Amino acid sequence: MGKKSFTNQEIAKLLKQMAAVFEVKNNNFFRARAYTNASIAIANLTTSVQILWQEGKLNEIPGVGKNLSQHLNELFSTGKVKHFNREFKKVPQGMFSLLKIRGIGPKTAYKLSVKFKLNDSATAIKKLKKLIKEKKLKGIKGFGEKLPEKIKSSLNLQAVSSKRMLISTALSIADDFLSYLNSQKSILKAEPLGSLRRHSSTIGDIDIAIRTKNPKEAMNKALKYEEIGKVISSGESVARVKFKTGHEVYFKLSSPQEWGSLLQHYTGSKQHNILLRTLAQSKGMSLSEHGIKNKRGKSKKFKNEKSFYAYLGLSFIPPELREGEDEIKSAQKNKIPKLVKLEEIKGDLHLHSDFKFPSSHDLGASSLFEIFNKARELNYEYLGFADHNPKQAGLTYKGRESILKRRRKYLVTQYQEYEKRVKTRVPKLLIGLEIDIRPNGDLALEDKLINALDYAIVSIHSSFNQDRNKTTKRILSALKHPKAVILGHPTGRMINKRSSIQANWGEIFTFCAKNNKIIEVNADPSRLDLPSDLIKQAIKSNAKFIINSDGHHSSQMKNIKFGVWTAKKGWSKSKDILNTQSLAELINVLNSKAVN
């Protein structure tokens, strides 16, 4: 019967390959685009497509219509799709490996595979490298003169990094370069592009836009950045360099008159730009990084993105939302929401202190003094410490009770000393705990000890592979405790390391909405959990969120911005986020006892 369990990435890859076949063999652009759109949507899902199929919800996936739903049903039922297999036999299998190379599209991959008989996907890239080395791609009709060099450069880039970077890594590389660029007189403005500007959880390439009236001088200054180890290529308006860290960075220059067009062109996802081009074509227009051409072929330039979108009859779409989902339809109706802002965050309830005790997991490293100093810098009104619960093994109930009493005394004493020292504008101290949810749904601490807390964050730290029904019951059981107000890093994912747990999230979100339970958006850049697609789903259930840093050191408190960006990508407004509210409103929620 074949394989019957498929990851989202495997399905997305399959649909992408089918799109390529439709494009090169059937010349069916619209069908190819439909499969590409579905592939992108599935690749960005956090919920398993196979679970959605089991629940009869395939139609909820953007781009998955009746026909594709039938194919996916066959895939999950039998392990294969006969129609797909017939189509795949029409092309050399090596072309699918070539599609992984940046800059090679389906038609070029197909032509190369046919001409050089690249019939084995396992050896196609190796053979292509040999062909380039032997200069057998040069001077061949139908291939551009620069194709060999483009392929070689792309393969070198893929060798540097096989995984997408965490946004925090990409930002640390880009920020120093941006600071340098923005300090140069010849450069009016420098900004990131692509997935970094959209604040995606992981980043592929680092692209930078530079606005200047003096491109020659600006390019000269940019190439003199001290962290550049090698200039791979450079021209009048585009350059590609390799930093000493091994990361490659692209930057593009723009005149002030075309700045808005360039930012728009290189910020949106592939799907967003496809939808935008389709809209423009319906109006007899065409788009490029230089502007918009109208029906008469006259070009219009744009100094900013707001005027660019307005010219197409759209309200401004924030970069975070440009993923090719509902944003263009919403912008047509002027229904893009006012998204939550970083400066609206009034506190952080998931911080780990330096109190030393036999904890179930890792301890914090910074003192209360250091953390509260940072909190005052961030203009917070309240701050909550949620160390992990004391471990179970080797401790009696009395031992755990003693630890928590000493911890409270430690934090309160330090807080009182801090109040005396600074005297004014001291955030309110709240004492909580992050408590493990055991595999059976029990909490890893006795009720009497939990009830003595100001609040509890409950989180899964083990048994991540339970089936979705067990996981759902496990989470709901834990949340029924009156003090279990916050569900911490709900999916348990660790980006590039561990997949999300599977659960009936709709059921969990509905429970949380009815019972004043708050879902955490964990801002640790290796988590960013709840992911943005599930945030959108939770909002539809009227669930509320809290954005926490999960900081184990005071320096990590600034990571709160990553959580805000993730919430924005999930279309969150200020009213959706608990810690944009006042202290009184926060306390009211923490003291809520409603459980149905």
Foldseek 3Di string as FASTA:
>chain_A
DADQDDFLLRQLLLLQVVLLLCCAPVVPNVSSVLSNQLSLQSVQDQAGCLVCLVVVNNVVGPSCDDVNNVQVVCCNVPVHGVVSVVSCVVAQPLLSLVCVFPPDGSNNSRVVCVVVVRRDVVCNVVVLVVCLVVVVVAPDPPDDRCVSVSRVVRVLQCVLDVDFAFLVVLCVVVVVLQVQLVVDPQWPHKDWAACNQLLDRTHDATEMETEGPDQVVSVVSSVVPPQFPAWPDDDSFKTWTAGPVRHIYIYGYDYLQLQALQRVQGHADPLLVVVVQVLQVVQCWGGDSQAIQHVVRDGHHHNHNQVRQVVSQFGDDRSNQRHNDCRRVCRNVPNQDDAADQLLFAEFAQEFAQQDDQAPDDGFDDHPLLQQVLNVVSNHQAYHYAEAQHDDPPADLVRSLVSVVVVVVRNVVVLVVNCVVVVPRGHHYFYEYEWEQDLQQDTRHDLVSRVVGLAYEYEHDDPLADAADSLQNSPLSNCLRQRHQEHPLPQPAFPPPGRGRHYPLLVVLLQCQQQLHAYEQALASRRRPPALVSLLVSVVSVHAYEYHQSHSYSVSRVSSVSNSSRNVSNSHHLVRYQSSDDPVSNSVSSNGRGGD
